[in-house]
Amino acid sequence: MQRINEDIKTGRFKQMYLLYGEEAYLRKQYRDRLKGALAAEGDTMNYSYFEGKDISAGAVIDLAETMPFLAERRLIVMENSNLFKSGGEKMAEYLAEPAQTAYFVFVEKEIDKRSKLFKTVSSNGTAVEFPVQNEATLKKWVLGMFRKEGKQVTERALNCFLEKTGTDMENIRKELEKLMCYCMDKESVTEQDIEEICTQRVSNHIFDMVNAIADRKRKRALDLYYDLLALKEPAMRILFLIARQFNLLLQVKELEGKGYDNKTIGRKVGLQPFIAGKYAAQAGKFKSEDLREAVEACVEAEEAVKTGRMNDVMSVELLIVRYSA
């Protein structure tokens, strides 16, 4: 990111940039920043955008070889092309010696670093990865936006906000906009404000559902399940998320048994440290053998649905009833 910022600041650009990784918000931000720096606003003659897996490399190369019209350069942006995983050989050959006036910005969620195209772009241009941001970075970013709006927030409220939004920066931004509008006339943002206005993620519903199962609160667990169905969540996706939750709890419990702290556990299973603590507390409500059995029961329920022995909605309902008994 620093390299791109420096290029924009100095005006000395590489001919090709690759923006990749799981964090879509940052990919989009830096794509737009590069576009704003490399192409004049409203210049449709010298700016072209391609998206999807059906992009013709030949057509793009022909365009790149066309001289820009009354401009210094021609900018081509290609997004979600999949060429960095397969089929990018022709583009790689061209980019070894592209037209001097052609500039490229590639935007991809997933890439294969062994591909010829990745090696060509990374050696002749700049490749920047945008992974899911860590807890410290997210908190710093969110706090900065709170302060920009003149709002105060406690550490506890901030954790509550991130637990609801997750780590997706685009989702965080949207929820923050709602929260700022809701708290427009207030100096401080409280946990109650966050609970009232921020949208609960499906994964949070699943966490609460498993919590209710652990506490043997069958009605609460079933109510949460019916809420998800009312929100048009497919029963099989709910089953998948329940299985994932039980599997995560099993991993957390086993790691905790080996003496690892929450930060290390979070890193090993892919959870933020402040969330890993909640998972450790939930895992403590189960025995390891119960969690293992629950994961197996989820697999059996999926098989029963796929073989037509049971209705999908009913299979999840019976699973909840069984483990909350």
Protein backbone atom coordinates (compact mmCIF):
# COMPACT_ATOMS: atom_id res chain seq x y z
CA MET A 1 0.00 0.00 0.00
CA GLN A 2 2.85 2.32 0.87
CA ARG A 3 4.40 1.77 -2.56
CA ILE A 4 1.17 2.73 -4.32
CA ASN A 5 0.75 5.81 -2.14
CA GLU A 6 4.32 6.83 -2.96
CA ASP A 7 3.77 6.35 -6.71
CA ILE A 8 0.61 8.49 -6.59
CA LYS A 9 2.38 11.17 -4.55
CA THR A 10 5.42 11.38 -6.86
CA GLY A 11 3.56 10.73 -10.11
CA ARG A 12 6.09 8.04 -11.07
CA PHE A 13 3.92 5.06 -11.98
CA LYS A 14 4.64 1.45 -12.87
CA GLN A 15 2.96 0.21 -16.04
CA MET A 16 1.13 -2.55 -14.21
CA TYR A 17 -0.39 -3.02 -10.76
CA LEU A 18 -1.99 -6.08 -9.21
CA LEU A 19 -4.31 -5.58 -6.23
CA TYR A 20 -5.29 -8.90 -4.65
CA GLY A 21 -6.49 -10.47 -1.41
CA GLU A 22 -9.61 -11.05 0.66
CA GLU A 23 -10.24 -7.46 1.78
CA ALA A 24 -12.56 -6.17 -0.96
CA TYR A 25 -12.90 -2.68 0.55
CA LEU A 26 -9.17 -1.95 0.28
CA ARG A 27 -8.94 -3.47 -3.20
CA LYS A 28 -11.71 -1.14 -4.34
CA GLN A 29 -10.22 1.91 -2.60
CA TYR A 30 -6.78 1.49 -4.19
CA ARG A 31 -8.29 0.59 -7.57
CA ASP A 32 -10.18 3.89 -7.55
CA ARG A 33 -7.16 5.84 -6.30
CA LEU A 34 -5.00 4.49 -9.13
CA LYS A 35 -7.73 5.18 -11.66
CA GLY A 36 -8.03 8.78 -10.42
CA ALA A 37 -4.28 9.25 -10.70
CA LEU A 38 -3.70 7.51 -14.04
CA ALA A 39 -6.75 8.69 -16.02
CA ALA A 40 -8.39 12.09 -16.30
CA GLU A 41 -11.90 12.29 -14.85
CA GLY A 42 -14.52 11.56 -17.48
CA ASP A 43 -11.95 10.41 -20.07
CA THR A 44 -13.83 7.51 -21.67
CA MET A 45 -11.54 7.50 -24.71
CA ASN A 46 -8.44 6.38 -22.84
CA TYR A 47 -9.94 4.39 -19.96
CA SER A 48 -11.35 0.87 -20.32
CA TYR A 49 -12.81 -1.45 -17.68
CA PHE A 50 -13.22 -5.21 -18.03
CA GLU A 51 -14.79 -7.58 -15.50
CA GLY A 52 -15.38 -11.33 -15.29
CA LYS A 53 -13.88 -14.56 -16.51
CA ASP A 54 -14.87 -14.10 -20.16
CA ILE A 55 -12.37 -11.32 -20.89
CA SER A 56 -10.60 -11.79 -24.22
CA ALA A 57 -6.86 -11.32 -23.74
CA GLY A 58 -6.50 -10.66 -27.47
CA ALA A 59 -9.04 -7.82 -27.41
CA VAL A 60 -7.32 -6.26 -24.39
CA ILE A 61 -3.92 -6.47 -26.08
CA ASP A 62 -5.30 -4.87 -29.27
CA LEU A 63 -6.68 -2.04 -27.14
CA ALA A 64 -3.37 -1.64 -25.30
CA GLU A 65 -1.55 -1.32 -28.63
CA THR A 66 -3.88 1.53 -29.68
CA MET A 67 -2.31 4.96 -29.13
CA PRO A 68 -4.11 7.10 -26.53
CA PHE A 69 -6.19 10.00 -27.87
CA LEU A 70 -4.80 13.40 -26.80
CA ALA A 71 -3.46 11.89 -23.58
CA GLU A 72 -0.21 10.62 -22.11
CA ARG A 73 -1.41 7.09 -21.41
CA ARG A 74 -4.18 4.54 -21.89
CA LEU A 75 -5.47 2.87 -18.70
CA ILE A 76 -6.95 -0.62 -18.68
CA VAL A 77 -8.54 -1.99 -15.49
CA MET A 78 -9.32 -5.72 -15.31
CA GLU A 79 -11.26 -7.13 -12.36
CA ASN A 80 -12.08 -10.72 -11.31
CA SER A 81 -10.63 -12.07 -14.56
CA ASN A 82 -9.28 -15.30 -13.00
CA LEU A 83 -6.26 -14.93 -15.31
CA PHE A 84 -3.90 -15.10 -12.35
CA LYS A 85 -5.12 -18.63 -11.65
CA SER A 86 -5.38 -20.00 -15.19
CA GLY A 87 -5.32 -18.88 -18.81
CA GLY A 88 -3.13 -15.81 -18.33
CA GLU A 89 -0.16 -16.96 -20.43
CA LYS A 90 -0.98 -14.78 -23.46
CA MET A 91 -1.37 -11.70 -21.27
CA ALA A 92 1.90 -12.53 -19.47
CA GLU A 93 3.76 -12.73 -22.79
CA TYR A 94 2.42 -9.33 -23.81
CA LEU A 95 3.21 -7.67 -20.48
CA ALA A 96 6.84 -8.72 -20.79
CA GLU A 97 7.11 -5.87 -23.35
CA PRO A 98 3.86 -3.84 -23.42
CA ALA A 99 3.26 -0.64 -25.38
CA GLN A 100 4.87 2.25 -23.49
CA THR A 101 1.58 4.15 -23.34
CA ALA A 102 -0.43 1.23 -21.89
CA TYR A 103 -1.02 1.01 -18.13
CA PHE A 104 -2.81 -1.86 -16.37
CA VAL A 105 -4.53 -2.30 -13.01
CA PHE A 106 -5.54 -5.88 -12.21
CA VAL A 107 -7.93 -6.51 -9.29
CA GLU A 108 -8.37 -10.10 -8.07
CA LYS A 109 -9.59 -11.79 -4.90
CA GLU A 110 -7.56 -14.95 -5.45
CA ILE A 111 -4.36 -15.52 -7.39
CA ASP A 112 -1.80 -18.26 -7.91
CA LYS A 113 1.68 -16.95 -7.19
CA ARG A 114 3.12 -19.75 -9.33
CA SER A 115 1.34 -18.46 -12.45
CA LYS A 116 3.36 -16.88 -15.24
CA LEU A 117 1.14 -13.77 -15.19
CA PHE A 118 1.73 -13.14 -11.46
CA LYS A 119 5.49 -13.52 -11.89
CA THR A 120 5.47 -11.13 -14.85
CA VAL A 121 3.39 -8.44 -13.11
CA SER A 122 5.24 -8.68 -9.79
CA SER A 123 8.66 -8.43 -11.49
CA ASN A 124 7.76 -5.68 -14.00
CA GLY A 125 5.22 -3.79 -11.89
CA THR A 126 3.76 -3.77 -8.37
CA ALA A 127 1.71 -6.53 -6.73
CA VAL A 128 0.03 -5.66 -3.41
CA GLU A 129 -1.89 -8.05 -1.20
CA PHE A 130 -4.88 -6.85 0.84
CA PRO A 131 -5.55 -9.53 3.48
CA VAL A 132 -8.24 -9.42 6.16
CA GLN A 133 -7.03 -6.72 8.55
CA ASN A 134 -5.99 -7.60 12.09
CA GLU A 135 -7.78 -6.44 15.24
CA ALA A 136 -5.39 -3.57 16.01
CA THR A 137 -5.65 -2.14 12.47
CA LEU A 138 -9.45 -2.37 12.42
CA LYS A 139 -9.78 -0.71 15.83
CA LYS A 140 -7.44 2.11 14.80
CA TRP A 141 -9.41 2.64 11.57
CA VAL A 142 -12.82 2.62 13.30
CA LEU A 143 -11.61 4.90 16.13
CA GLY A 144 -10.30 7.33 13.52
CA MET A 145 -13.75 7.53 11.92
CA PHE A 146 -15.44 7.99 15.31
CA ARG A 147 -13.08 10.87 16.11
CA LYS A 148 -13.58 12.41 12.67
CA GLU A 149 -17.30 12.60 13.50
CA GLY A 150 -16.53 14.01 16.97
CA LYS A 151 -17.84 10.91 18.76
CA GLN A 152 -16.46 9.19 21.84
CA VAL A 153 -16.62 5.41 22.29
CA THR A 154 -15.42 3.06 25.02
CA GLU A 155 -13.22 0.02 24.40
CA ARG A 156 -16.13 -2.21 25.37
CA ALA A 157 -18.51 -0.52 22.93
CA LEU A 158 -15.87 -0.71 20.19
CA ASN A 159 -15.50 -4.46 20.76
CA CYS A 160 -19.28 -4.83 20.70
CA PHE A 161 -19.40 -2.99 17.36
CA LEU A 162 -16.72 -5.19 15.76
CA GLU A 163 -18.33 -8.35 17.09
CA LYS A 164 -21.51 -7.36 15.25
CA THR A 165 -19.87 -6.24 12.00
CA GLY A 166 -17.06 -8.77 11.67
CA THR A 167 -13.81 -7.94 9.90
CA ASP A 168 -15.18 -6.98 6.47
CA MET A 169 -14.25 -3.31 6.08
CA GLU A 170 -17.06 -2.53 3.63
CA ASN A 171 -19.61 -3.89 6.09
CA ILE A 172 -17.94 -1.95 8.93
CA ARG A 173 -18.16 1.27 6.91
CA LYS A 174 -21.86 0.77 6.12
CA GLU A 175 -22.75 -0.06 9.73
CA LEU A 176 -20.72 2.91 10.94
CA GLU A 177 -22.63 5.27 8.63
CA LYS A 178 -25.93 3.99 10.09
CA LEU A 179 -24.59 4.37 13.61
CA MET A 180 -23.36 7.94 13.01
CA CYS A 181 -26.78 8.97 11.64
CA TYR A 182 -28.51 7.35 14.61
CA CYS A 183 -26.19 9.09 17.10
CA MET A 184 -26.07 12.41 15.25
CA ASP A 185 -26.97 14.52 18.29
CA LYS A 186 -24.95 12.51 20.83
CA GLU A 187 -21.35 12.99 21.94
CA SER A 188 -20.80 9.34 22.91
CA VAL A 189 -21.78 6.08 21.20
CA THR A 190 -22.87 3.40 23.66
CA GLU A 191 -23.30 -0.38 23.52
CA GLN A 192 -27.06 0.17 23.62
CA ASP A 193 -26.86 2.37 20.50
CA ILE A 194 -24.90 -0.36 18.72
CA GLU A 195 -27.36 -3.07 19.78
CA GLU A 196 -30.32 -1.01 18.57
CA ILE A 197 -29.04 0.05 15.15
CA CYS A 198 -26.31 -2.33 13.91
CA THR A 199 -27.32 -5.41 11.93
CA GLN A 200 -26.57 -8.76 13.49
CA ARG A 201 -24.52 -11.01 11.21
CA VAL A 202 -25.75 -14.53 10.49
CA SER A 203 -22.65 -15.93 12.20
CA ASN A 204 -23.66 -14.06 15.38
CA HIS A 205 -27.10 -15.68 15.22
CA ILE A 206 -25.37 -19.06 14.92
CA PHE A 207 -23.11 -18.25 17.89
CA ASP A 208 -26.14 -17.30 20.00
CA MET A 209 -27.99 -20.41 18.84
CA VAL A 210 -25.12 -22.71 19.89
CA ASN A 211 -24.92 -20.80 23.17
CA ALA A 212 -28.61 -21.51 23.76
CA ILE A 213 -28.02 -25.17 22.90
CA ALA A 214 -25.15 -25.30 25.41
CA ASP A 215 -27.36 -23.71 28.09
CA ARG A 216 -30.15 -26.21 27.26
CA LYS A 217 -32.47 -23.35 26.29
CA ARG A 218 -34.31 -25.21 23.56
CA LYS A 219 -36.98 -22.57 22.90
CA ARG A 220 -34.38 -19.81 22.55
CA ALA A 221 -32.29 -21.95 20.14
CA LEU A 222 -35.33 -22.82 18.02
CA ASP A 223 -36.52 -19.18 17.99
CA LEU A 224 -33.14 -18.11 16.62
CA TYR A 225 -33.36 -20.85 13.98
CA TYR A 226 -36.84 -19.73 12.92
CA ASP A 227 -35.59 -16.10 12.78
CA LEU A 228 -32.88 -17.15 10.31
CA LEU A 229 -35.42 -19.03 8.19
CA ALA A 230 -37.64 -15.92 8.20
CA LEU A 231 -34.64 -13.95 6.91
CA LYS A 232 -34.54 -16.38 3.95
CA GLU A 233 -31.39 -18.16 5.10
CA PRO A 234 -31.42 -21.67 3.53
CA ALA A 235 -31.63 -24.49 6.09
CA MET A 236 -28.58 -26.22 4.58
CA ARG A 237 -26.48 -23.07 4.94
CA ILE A 238 -27.59 -22.82 8.57
CA LEU A 239 -26.58 -26.48 9.03
CA PHE A 240 -23.19 -25.75 7.49
CA LEU A 241 -22.66 -22.79 9.85
CA ILE A 242 -23.71 -24.83 12.90
CA ALA A 243 -21.24 -27.56 11.88
CA ARG A 244 -18.53 -24.93 11.39
CA GLN A 245 -19.29 -23.48 14.82
CA PHE A 246 -19.05 -26.86 16.57
CA ASN A 247 -15.83 -27.62 14.69
CA LEU A 248 -14.32 -24.26 15.72
CA LEU A 249 -15.32 -24.87 19.34
CA LEU A 250 -13.67 -28.29 19.24
CA GLN A 251 -10.43 -26.77 17.90
CA VAL A 252 -10.53 -23.98 20.50
CA LYS A 253 -11.14 -26.45 23.33
CA GLU A 254 -8.27 -28.70 22.24
CA LEU A 255 -5.87 -25.75 21.86
CA GLU A 256 -6.93 -24.38 25.24
CA GLY A 257 -6.24 -27.82 26.73
CA LYS A 258 -2.66 -27.54 25.40
CA GLY A 259 -2.21 -24.28 27.32
CA TYR A 260 -2.46 -21.74 24.49
CA ASP A 261 -3.76 -18.24 25.29
CA ASN A 262 -6.65 -16.59 23.43
CA LYS A 263 -4.38 -14.59 21.11
CA THR A 264 -2.53 -17.73 19.95
CA ILE A 265 -5.77 -19.70 19.67
CA GLY A 266 -7.31 -16.93 17.57
CA ARG A 267 -4.32 -16.90 15.21
CA LYS A 268 -4.38 -20.70 14.79
CA VAL A 269 -8.13 -20.98 14.06
CA GLY A 270 -8.58 -17.66 12.22
CA LEU A 271 -10.38 -15.61 14.89
CA GLN A 272 -9.63 -12.14 16.21
CA PRO A 273 -8.30 -12.31 19.82
CA PHE A 274 -11.29 -10.44 21.30
CA ILE A 275 -13.61 -12.95 19.61
CA ALA A 276 -11.47 -15.97 20.50
CA GLY A 277 -12.16 -15.26 24.17
CA LYS A 278 -15.91 -15.61 23.55
CA TYR A 279 -15.36 -18.88 21.72
CA ALA A 280 -13.20 -20.19 24.57
CA ALA A 281 -15.99 -19.37 27.04
CA GLN A 282 -18.56 -21.12 24.85
CA ALA A 283 -16.30 -24.15 24.34
CA GLY A 284 -16.05 -24.45 28.12
CA LYS A 285 -19.77 -25.32 28.22
CA PHE A 286 -19.16 -28.53 26.25
CA LYS A 287 -17.09 -31.68 26.67
CA SER A 288 -14.70 -32.48 23.82
CA GLU A 289 -16.50 -35.73 23.05
CA ASP A 290 -19.85 -33.87 22.86
CA LEU A 291 -18.41 -31.39 20.34
CA ARG A 292 -16.92 -34.19 18.26
CA GLU A 293 -20.25 -36.01 18.30
CA ALA A 294 -22.09 -32.82 17.31
CA VAL A 295 -19.84 -32.33 14.26
CA GLU A 296 -20.52 -35.92 13.21
CA ALA A 297 -24.27 -35.41 13.75
CA CYS A 298 -24.18 -32.40 11.40
CA VAL A 299 -22.53 -34.54 8.70
CA GLU A 300 -25.18 -37.24 9.21
CA ALA A 301 -27.97 -34.64 8.97
CA GLU A 302 -26.56 -33.32 5.69
CA GLU A 303 -26.34 -36.85 4.30
CA ALA A 304 -29.95 -37.55 5.35
CA VAL A 305 -31.13 -34.48 3.41
CA LYS A 306 -29.05 -35.24 0.30
CA THR A 307 -30.28 -38.83 0.15
CA GLY A 308 -33.89 -37.70 0.55
CA ARG A 309 -34.42 -39.41 3.89
CA MET A 310 -35.27 -36.15 5.63
CA ASN A 311 -36.54 -32.65 4.94
CA ASP A 312 -33.80 -29.98 5.23
CA VAL A 313 -35.69 -27.70 7.66
CA MET A 314 -36.68 -30.64 9.84
CA SER A 315 -33.14 -32.09 9.92
CA VAL A 316 -31.71 -28.91 11.48
CA GLU A 317 -34.66 -28.62 13.87
CA LEU A 318 -34.11 -32.18 15.14
CA LEU A 319 -30.39 -31.48 15.56
CA ILE A 320 -31.15 -28.41 17.72
CA VAL A 321 -33.71 -30.35 19.78
CA ARG A 322 -31.28 -33.24 20.29
CA TYR A 323 -28.38 -31.12 21.61
CA SER A 324 -30.48 -28.71 23.67
CA ALA A 325 -32.32 -31.54 25.51
